[in-house]
Each structure stands twice: as structure tokens, then as C-alpha cells.
């Protein structure tokens, strides 16, 4: 009877690689000999599961199985596609590689993770640089120049890590494969070679400038364009400007994190700006005109009507921030704060007392309607408590 590897793993024929791996992991843990000591049926089932996964996890083997069935691997068709002996379920080496895939997937980070493979030059690390700019810079946009310390390509060896004329040789630890295997019972644990770091080769005669690393520490000067309208916390990516990879590996990226300094006048909310402006109480009472700052530096005049109160806002259209990637601008809002005079001399105090006598603070509250209304409500509150 022909073997049905999909049925063995309990998956459909169109199952994805992830579905296969999940099914295999679950069954392998369930029927593992360590959990079923002395159970020959569990051991046989464990071998079947590994045989099925060893075939289906490989795209080429899976394609051959889908076309020819298990006969493509039992020797009846003249060996496996592409040559090689058929699979022998009694040979644990046939499924140890499959199980090691799952084992490393579960514990790979602890064991050092999957390596880049033989000769793979590792990509350099990404970097982040915080650039502080002013609110005016964010409004107008600018070209900024930054200096960053970075591990960059060694100029002496052009990143190869080898002295002039010297080459590299296969690593003695891994034999040039970049990975080493260790057999532990039924398990085959594969991890990145600790000697060559997955490169598969070691430098025969290291460059003296970089000690064979292919990169050295240096200060790099870069220019970047800050677009008008950027907000605090925005990141700008400079591709390939991060750290150089080991021994000629590609550079990582540089991310510039924008930090906008607090402004002495304005607070920002998206595209709008808010400015708190103190005015004399006489200006608030009699009205007038005041000069206020604007982010473009031109300034503006605001007409203050008589009787203006603290907290009242005046809107200046299109006097706010530039909107990113747009020609539009936000608005500026002027918030009034009526300042009470301090450090009065005796004459000023006498004048204020005379002025106070002229005010209507009774029930009508014509001059101070908010105060009059508030204290009228307080009196009503007290009267209600007495009842």
C-alpha cells in the first residue's frame, strides 16, 4: 500500500510550509521515544512522521512525491530524483535533519540562531541618530549636516579583511560550511560556526588596519534634507548609511530621529500654533491693537476689542505651521492673558480706589458681569442651605 505522507502528518495536500512544520512539531513531540520509552508502536510512528516531514519540507522532494508518490524515494524508480539512495526508515540519520529544523526553530535564538550560510557576508547593523532642530527649521525645512561615529568600510583592504595579496581559507572548525553539527541521541543540533561566524572561511593574513574585520571606526559626515512641516518624532531613513557589514558585507541603514526643541513663544498642535500673549488690563478694558509674533518672522497686528477677557482667542488664518508635503499652512491662535498691575505707588492705588467706587458691582453687574453672576449664584447656594 502506498504511503500517504500528507495523511501521516494530518494535513491537506495544499498545506503550506508553516502548516507542515506545525503539524510535524506537534506529532514529533507526542510520539518522541523519550516520552514513550519501551513503546515500539510509538517509535515506529515517530519514524513515519519524520520520514514524511523529511520529504514534504523540501520543495523538490515534495514535487517529486506529488507526481510519483513514495515510489520516488524507495528505490523502485531507480533512486531519488537527482540520484542518491532511497530513504531507510530504520536509519535515524534520515530524519535527524528534519527534527533539527524544528529544534532550532524552537531554541535557535538560545543556540545562536540560523547562520547566513557559507560565505555569506553579514549585513551591517542599522543605526539611529537623534537630530534636534528648531520649530523654525521644521516650518521652513532645511538641509542638515551631521557627523556620526560608525563602523565603516576599511579603506586599506576595501572591506575584505585581508592584507594586500592575501586571501582566505576554509575554516578548520566547520570545513567551510559555516555551520557545525552536534549529534545528541536522536537530535542533530546545527548552529553557526563560532570560529568563522558563519562565513565558512577565515582570513589567512588579516589586514593590520582593521585586524581582519573589514571595517574600522571612523567619523562620517552626512547631509540630509529636512522637509518643511515635519513633526517631532518623525524618522528619516538613509539607506546604506548604517554600519558596514563584516568583511565586505552590505551596510545597514541610518535612521534620523527628529526632535523639535520647545519654542519660547509657540506651542504646536499638528499644523496649528498657539501663543499666549499678556496685555495690560487697561488695554483689555479700553481696547487697542497689539503686535504679536508669527513663525515666519513677519509678525502680525491683532485688534483687541474693549472688554476682552483672559482666555479669549484670536485666530490668524494661515499663520501656523507648514503642512508636510503640501502648500497649505495651519492657523495661529493668540490667547489673551490679562495681566493685573503690580508694584503700584500710592497715587496709582488712590486712582484705582476712586475708579472702583465708580464701578457697578451690584445685582446689575454692568461692569463685571461674570463676577456679579458668580457671586449671585453663591448667595443663592447659601440661601438654599439655610432652608
Protein backbone atom coordinates (compact mmCIF):
# COMPACT_ATOMS: atom_id res chain seq x y z
CA UNK A 1 0.00 0.00 0.00
CA UNK A 2 1.43 3.37 -0.99
CA UNK A 3 2.37 5.71 1.84
CA UNK A 4 0.39 8.91 2.19
CA UNK A 5 2.79 11.40 3.77
CA UNK A 6 0.12 14.10 3.99
CA UNK A 7 -2.18 11.73 5.89
CA UNK A 8 0.74 10.75 8.14
CA UNK A 9 1.13 14.39 9.19
CA UNK A 10 -2.61 15.00 9.26
CA UNK A 11 -2.58 17.85 6.74
CA UNK A 12 -4.18 18.61 3.38
CA UNK A 13 -2.22 18.25 0.15
CA UNK A 14 -2.17 22.03 -0.34
CA UNK A 15 -0.81 22.66 3.19
CA UNK A 16 1.75 25.47 3.47
CA UNK A 17 5.28 25.01 4.78
CA UNK A 18 4.24 26.56 8.10
CA UNK A 19 1.27 24.17 8.38
CA UNK A 20 3.60 21.23 7.74
CA UNK A 21 6.04 22.41 10.36
CA UNK A 22 3.31 22.95 12.98
CA UNK A 23 1.81 19.52 12.34
CA UNK A 24 5.21 17.84 12.46
CA UNK A 25 6.20 19.61 15.66
CA UNK A 26 3.02 18.52 17.41
CA UNK A 27 3.28 14.87 16.34
CA UNK A 28 7.04 14.62 16.93
CA UNK A 29 6.63 15.81 20.49
CA UNK A 30 3.72 13.41 21.03
CA UNK A 31 5.49 10.27 19.74
CA UNK A 32 9.08 11.05 20.69
CA UNK A 33 10.81 7.93 22.13
CA UNK A 34 11.86 9.84 25.25
CA UNK A 35 8.19 10.29 26.11
CA UNK A 36 7.23 6.73 25.10
CA UNK A 37 10.03 4.55 26.44
CA UNK A 38 9.56 0.90 25.54
CA UNK A 39 6.61 1.63 23.24
CA UNK A 40 7.60 0.12 19.88
CA UNK A 41 4.42 1.39 18.17
CA UNK A 42 5.20 4.98 19.20
CA UNK A 43 8.78 4.56 17.94
CA UNK A 44 7.54 3.28 14.58
CA UNK A 45 5.04 6.12 14.36
CA UNK A 46 7.84 8.59 15.20
CA UNK A 47 9.91 7.24 12.28
CA UNK A 48 6.95 7.53 9.89
CA UNK A 49 6.34 11.14 10.94
CA UNK A 50 9.98 12.06 10.37
CA UNK A 51 10.09 10.27 7.04
CA UNK A 52 7.01 12.18 5.87
CA UNK A 53 8.30 15.57 7.02
CA UNK A 54 11.78 14.98 5.59
CA UNK A 55 10.21 14.59 2.15
CA UNK A 56 7.49 17.25 2.29
CA UNK A 57 9.59 20.03 3.81
CA UNK A 58 11.87 20.01 0.74
CA UNK A 59 10.18 21.68 -2.25
CA UNK A 60 11.91 19.47 -4.85
CA UNK A 61 11.24 16.25 -2.93
CA UNK A 62 7.64 17.30 -2.34
CA UNK A 63 7.13 17.97 -6.05
CA UNK A 64 8.54 14.51 -6.88
CA UNK A 65 6.30 12.89 -4.25
CA UNK A 66 3.21 14.70 -5.55
CA UNK A 67 3.97 13.35 -9.02
CA UNK A 68 5.28 9.83 -8.37
CA UNK A 69 4.29 9.10 -4.77
CA UNK A 70 6.52 7.34 -2.22
CA UNK A 71 7.95 5.15 -5.01
CA UNK A 72 10.16 8.07 -5.97
CA UNK A 73 12.10 7.50 -2.73
CA UNK A 74 12.07 3.75 -2.13
CA UNK A 75 14.47 2.82 -4.92
CA UNK A 76 11.84 1.22 -7.17
CA UNK A 77 12.23 4.06 -9.68
CA UNK A 78 16.00 3.89 -9.74
CA UNK A 79 16.73 6.03 -6.76
CA UNK A 80 15.64 9.50 -5.71
CA UNK A 81 15.20 12.27 -8.22
CA UNK A 82 18.63 13.64 -8.87
CA UNK A 83 20.39 10.47 -7.66
CA UNK A 84 21.12 9.08 -4.21
CA UNK A 85 19.92 6.11 -2.24
CA UNK A 86 16.35 5.63 -1.10
CA UNK A 87 15.12 6.54 2.35
CA UNK A 88 15.56 3.87 5.02
CA UNK A 89 13.13 4.35 7.95
CA UNK A 90 15.47 2.42 10.22
CA UNK A 91 18.22 4.93 9.64
CA UNK A 92 17.73 7.78 12.16
CA UNK A 93 20.16 9.98 10.25
CA UNK A 94 17.46 10.35 7.60
CA UNK A 95 15.11 12.23 9.89
CA UNK A 96 17.51 13.82 12.36
CA UNK A 97 17.98 16.75 9.99
CA UNK A 98 14.23 17.27 9.80
CA UNK A 99 13.83 17.21 13.55
CA UNK A 100 16.79 19.57 13.97
CA UNK A 101 14.89 22.13 11.85
CA UNK A 102 12.12 22.13 14.43
CA UNK A 103 14.52 22.01 17.36
CA UNK A 104 16.43 25.03 16.07
CA UNK A 105 13.20 26.85 15.28
CA UNK A 106 12.21 26.40 18.95
CA UNK A 107 15.61 27.01 20.54
CA UNK A 108 17.53 28.70 17.72
CA UNK A 109 17.84 32.04 19.47
CA UNK A 110 19.36 30.34 22.51
CA UNK A 111 21.74 28.38 20.33
CA UNK A 112 22.76 31.43 18.30
CA UNK A 113 20.10 31.42 15.58
CA UNK A 114 20.36 30.38 11.98
CA UNK A 115 23.53 31.49 10.26
CA UNK A 116 23.90 33.14 6.94
CA UNK A 117 25.46 30.05 5.36
CA UNK A 118 28.81 29.56 3.79
CA UNK A 119 30.45 32.70 2.50
CA UNK A 120 27.50 34.91 3.40
CA UNK A 121 28.80 38.31 4.45
CA UNK A 122 26.62 39.64 7.26
CA UNK A 123 24.71 42.87 6.76
CA UNK A 124 25.81 45.75 8.95
CA UNK A 125 23.68 46.97 11.82
CA UNK A 126 21.11 49.73 11.43
CA UNK A 127 21.81 52.92 13.38
CA UNK A 128 19.73 55.71 14.85
CA UNK A 129 20.80 59.32 15.26
CA UNK A 130 18.74 61.93 17.11
CA UNK A 131 18.81 65.30 15.39
CA UNK A 132 17.49 68.30 17.31
CA UNK A 133 16.04 71.12 15.22
CA UNK A 134 14.17 74.34 15.96
CA UNK A 135 10.49 74.93 15.29
CA UNK A 136 11.54 77.43 12.61
CA UNK A 137 13.58 74.67 10.91
CA UNK A 138 10.53 72.42 10.98
CA UNK A 139 8.44 75.24 9.48
CA UNK A 140 10.82 76.11 6.63
CA UNK A 141 12.67 72.83 6.11
CA UNK A 142 16.45 72.74 5.81
CA UNK A 143 19.47 70.74 4.75
CA UNK A 144 21.24 69.43 7.82
CA UNK A 145 24.81 68.21 8.13
CA UNK A 146 25.52 65.57 10.75
CA UNK A 147 28.62 63.78 11.99
CA UNK A 148 28.26 60.25 13.31
CA UNK A 149 30.78 57.69 14.62
CA UNK A 150 30.30 54.48 12.67
CA UNK A 151 31.98 51.19 11.80
CA UNK A 152 32.67 51.88 8.13
CA UNK A 153 34.46 50.01 5.34
CA UNK A 154 38.20 49.74 5.88
CA UNK A 155 39.97 51.80 3.21
CA UNK A 156 43.17 49.76 3.46
CA UNK A 157 41.65 46.41 2.47
CA UNK A 158 38.44 47.76 0.85
CA UNK A 159 36.41 45.76 3.32
CA UNK A 160 37.86 42.33 2.51
CA UNK A 161 39.68 41.98 5.84
CA UNK A 162 42.76 40.55 4.08
CA UNK A 163 46.16 42.11 3.74
CA UNK A 164 47.16 43.01 0.20
CA UNK A 165 47.61 39.90 -1.91
CA UNK A 166 46.38 37.55 0.79
CA UNK A 167 43.24 35.51 0.54
CA UNK A 168 41.01 33.44 2.75
CA UNK A 169 40.94 29.73 3.52
CA UNK A 170 38.25 27.30 4.61
CA UNK A 171 37.52 27.34 8.32
CA UNK A 172 39.02 24.29 10.06
CA UNK A 173 36.14 24.10 12.54
CA UNK A 174 33.28 23.78 10.03
CA UNK A 175 35.20 22.73 6.94
CA UNK A 176 33.98 25.75 5.02
CA UNK A 177 30.26 25.13 5.58
CA UNK A 178 29.70 27.99 8.01
CA UNK A 179 27.73 25.71 10.35
CA UNK A 180 28.62 22.92 12.74
CA UNK A 181 26.52 19.93 13.79
CA UNK A 182 26.44 18.06 17.04
CA UNK A 183 24.70 14.70 17.48
CA UNK A 184 22.84 14.23 20.78
CA UNK A 185 20.89 10.97 20.76
CA UNK A 186 18.05 11.36 18.27
CA UNK A 187 18.82 15.04 17.84
CA UNK A 188 21.18 16.73 15.44
CA UNK A 189 21.79 20.29 16.57
CA UNK A 190 23.10 22.64 13.90
CA UNK A 191 24.35 26.10 14.70
CA UNK A 192 26.50 28.89 13.31
CA UNK A 193 30.20 28.11 13.42
CA UNK A 194 31.72 30.03 16.36
CA UNK A 195 35.10 30.31 14.66
CA UNK A 196 34.14 31.93 11.34
CA UNK A 197 30.74 33.31 12.42
CA UNK A 198 29.01 31.53 9.54
CA UNK A 199 31.36 32.84 6.86
CA UNK A 200 32.83 29.42 6.09
CA UNK A 201 36.24 30.99 5.60
CA UNK A 202 38.84 32.68 7.74
CA UNK A 203 41.37 35.34 6.80
CA UNK A 204 44.80 33.87 6.08
CA UNK A 205 46.67 37.14 6.57
CA UNK A 206 44.47 39.75 8.31
CA UNK A 207 44.63 43.41 7.37
CA UNK A 208 46.60 45.27 10.03
CA UNK A 209 44.37 48.34 9.88
CA UNK A 210 41.13 46.51 10.74
CA UNK A 211 42.52 43.25 12.22
CA UNK A 212 40.63 41.27 9.58
CA UNK A 213 37.19 42.69 10.34
CA UNK A 214 36.95 44.61 7.07
CA UNK A 215 35.73 47.73 8.85
CA UNK A 216 37.10 50.38 11.17
CA UNK A 217 35.68 53.01 13.49
CA UNK A 218 35.54 56.43 11.88
CA UNK A 219 33.52 59.63 11.92
CA UNK A 220 31.33 60.10 8.87
CA UNK A 221 29.78 63.38 7.73
CA UNK A 222 26.39 63.17 6.03
CA UNK A 223 23.84 65.60 4.63
CA UNK A 224 20.12 65.09 4.88
CA UNK A 225 17.16 67.16 3.79
CA UNK A 226 14.59 68.03 6.46
CA UNK A 227 11.24 68.59 4.69
CA UNK A 228 9.09 71.56 5.72
CA UNK A 229 6.28 70.61 8.08
CA UNK A 230 7.93 67.66 9.84
CA UNK A 231 6.71 66.84 13.31
CA UNK A 232 8.50 65.81 16.48
CA UNK A 233 9.44 62.10 16.48
CA UNK A 234 9.47 61.64 12.69
CA UNK A 235 12.17 59.30 11.34
CA UNK A 236 14.13 59.84 8.13
CA UNK A 237 15.77 56.75 6.61
CA UNK A 238 19.11 56.99 4.85
CA UNK A 239 19.54 53.69 3.05
CA UNK A 240 23.00 52.13 3.23
CA UNK A 241 24.41 54.73 5.63
CA UNK A 242 24.47 52.49 8.70
CA UNK A 243 27.34 50.27 9.82
CA UNK A 244 29.32 48.29 7.27
CA UNK A 245 28.96 44.51 7.35
CA UNK A 246 31.82 42.28 8.33
CA UNK A 247 34.33 41.55 5.54
CA UNK A 248 32.60 43.34 2.72
CA UNK A 249 29.03 42.76 3.89
CA UNK A 250 26.41 45.36 2.88
CA UNK A 251 25.80 48.44 5.01
CA UNK A 252 22.82 48.76 7.29
CA UNK A 253 20.56 51.82 7.25
CA UNK A 254 20.70 55.03 9.25
CA UNK A 255 17.52 56.35 10.83
CA UNK A 256 17.48 60.02 11.80
CA UNK A 257 15.03 60.71 14.63
CA UNK A 258 13.89 64.33 14.63
CA UNK A 259 13.49 66.13 17.94
CA UNK A 260 11.99 69.64 17.86
CA UNK A 261 13.14 71.98 20.61
CA UNK A 262 10.46 73.73 22.72
CA UNK A 263 9.77 77.23 21.40
CA UNK A 264 9.84 80.35 23.60
CA UNK A 265 6.53 81.61 22.18
CA UNK A 266 4.61 78.87 20.41
CA UNK A 267 3.08 75.54 21.28
CA UNK A 268 2.33 73.25 18.37
CA UNK A 269 -0.70 71.06 17.78
CA UNK A 270 -0.42 69.46 14.35
CA UNK A 271 -0.46 72.31 11.85
CA UNK A 272 -1.69 74.94 14.34
CA UNK A 273 0.33 77.15 16.66
CA UNK A 274 -0.76 78.65 19.97
CA UNK A 275 0.74 81.74 21.55
CA UNK A 276 -0.21 83.15 24.98
CA UNK A 277 0.06 86.95 24.94
CA UNK A 278 -0.19 89.08 28.12
CA UNK A 279 -1.86 92.50 27.80
CA UNK A 280 -2.37 95.36 30.25
CA UNK A 281 -5.74 95.44 31.98
CA UNK A 282 -6.31 98.93 30.61
CA UNK A 283 -5.88 97.59 27.04
CA UNK A 284 -8.26 94.78 27.85
CA UNK A 285 -10.82 97.23 29.25
CA UNK A 286 -10.50 100.02 26.69
CA UNK A 287 -9.45 98.02 23.65
CA UNK A 288 -6.49 98.64 21.39
CA UNK A 289 -4.07 96.99 19.00
CA UNK A 290 -1.13 94.75 19.85
CA UNK A 291 1.81 93.32 17.89
CA UNK A 292 2.19 89.53 18.07
CA UNK A 293 4.95 87.18 16.78
CA UNK A 294 4.44 84.75 13.91
CA UNK A 295 6.53 81.71 12.98
CA UNK A 296 7.54 83.24 9.63
CA UNK A 297 9.11 86.20 11.46
CA UNK A 298 6.90 88.83 9.80
CA UNK A 299 4.70 89.45 12.86
CA UNK A 300 1.08 90.50 12.85
CA UNK A 301 -1.26 93.05 14.47
CA UNK A 302 -4.26 91.94 16.49
CA UNK A 303 -7.14 94.28 17.32
CA UNK A 304 -8.28 93.94 20.93
CA UNK A 305 -11.94 94.89 21.43
CA UNK A 306 -12.98 96.65 24.69
CA UNK A 307 -13.83 94.26 27.50
CA UNK A 308 -11.53 91.45 26.35
CA UNK A 309 -11.13 88.73 28.98
CA UNK A 310 -8.34 86.29 29.88
CA UNK A 311 -8.53 83.15 27.76
CA UNK A 312 -10.15 84.82 24.77
CA UNK A 313 -8.57 83.65 21.49
CA UNK A 314 -7.96 85.41 18.20
CA UNK A 315 -7.33 83.39 15.06
CA UNK A 316 -4.72 84.29 12.46
CA UNK A 317 -5.51 82.25 9.37
CA UNK A 318 -2.62 80.55 7.54
CA UNK A 319 -0.10 81.85 10.08
CA UNK A 320 0.62 78.42 11.56
CA UNK A 321 2.95 75.59 10.52
CA UNK A 322 3.63 74.36 7.02
CA UNK A 323 1.72 71.15 6.31
CA UNK A 324 4.05 68.31 5.28
CA UNK A 325 4.07 67.66 1.51
CA UNK A 326 1.57 70.46 0.95
CA UNK A 327 1.48 74.16 0.20
CA UNK A 328 -1.17 74.68 2.87
CA UNK A 329 -0.49 76.16 6.30
CA UNK A 330 -2.20 75.82 9.62
CA UNK A 331 -3.51 78.69 11.73
CA UNK A 332 -2.07 80.63 14.64
CA UNK A 333 -4.18 81.25 17.74
CA UNK A 334 -3.44 84.16 20.04
CA UNK A 335 -4.68 83.52 23.58
CA UNK A 336 -5.08 86.62 25.72
CA UNK A 337 -3.91 86.81 29.31
CA UNK A 338 -4.98 89.98 31.14
CA UNK A 339 -2.19 90.99 33.48
CA UNK A 340 -3.01 92.54 36.85
CA UNK A 341 -0.71 95.53 37.56
CA UNK A 342 1.85 95.09 40.33
CA UNK A 343 4.22 97.39 42.27
CA UNK A 344 1.72 100.28 42.37
CA UNK A 345 2.70 103.54 44.03
CA UNK A 346 0.32 105.40 46.36
CA UNK A 347 -1.03 107.71 43.68
CA UNK A 348 -1.88 104.76 41.44
CA UNK A 349 -3.59 102.99 44.32
CA UNK A 350 -5.68 106.07 45.10
CA UNK A 351 -6.70 106.36 41.47
CA UNK A 352 -7.75 102.71 41.41
CA UNK A 353 -9.81 103.13 44.57
CA UNK A 354 -11.55 106.12 43.03
CA UNK A 355 -12.13 104.11 39.91
CA UNK A 356 -13.51 101.20 41.95
CA UNK A 357 -16.15 103.45 43.51
CA UNK A 358 -17.46 104.26 40.05
CA UNK A 359 -17.94 100.61 39.12
CA UNK A 360 -21.35 98.98 39.21
CA UNK A 361 -20.83 95.80 41.29
CA UNK A 362 -24.44 95.38 42.42
CA UNK A 363 -27.03 92.95 41.15
CA UNK A 364 -26.89 94.51 37.72
CA UNK A 365 -23.15 93.82 37.31
CA UNK A 366 -22.86 96.00 34.25
CA UNK A 367 -19.08 96.42 34.56
CA UNK A 368 -18.23 92.95 35.92
CA UNK A 369 -20.97 90.60 34.69
CA UNK A 370 -19.03 87.36 35.31
CA UNK A 371 -18.10 88.26 38.88
CA UNK A 372 -21.59 89.55 39.60
CA UNK A 373 -23.19 86.41 38.17
CA UNK A 374 -20.86 84.11 40.10
CA UNK A 375 -21.44 85.71 43.48
CA UNK A 376 -25.19 85.85 42.87
CA UNK A 377 -25.13 82.07 42.42
CA UNK A 378 -23.01 81.70 45.58
CA UNK A 379 -25.61 83.69 47.58
CA UNK A 380 -28.40 81.52 46.20
CA UNK A 381 -26.43 78.42 47.17
CA UNK A 382 -26.03 79.61 50.73
CA UNK A 383 -29.72 80.55 50.97
CA UNK A 384 -30.70 77.07 49.82
CA UNK A 385 -28.56 75.53 52.56
CA UNK A 386 -30.32 77.60 55.24
CA UNK A 387 -33.78 76.40 54.19
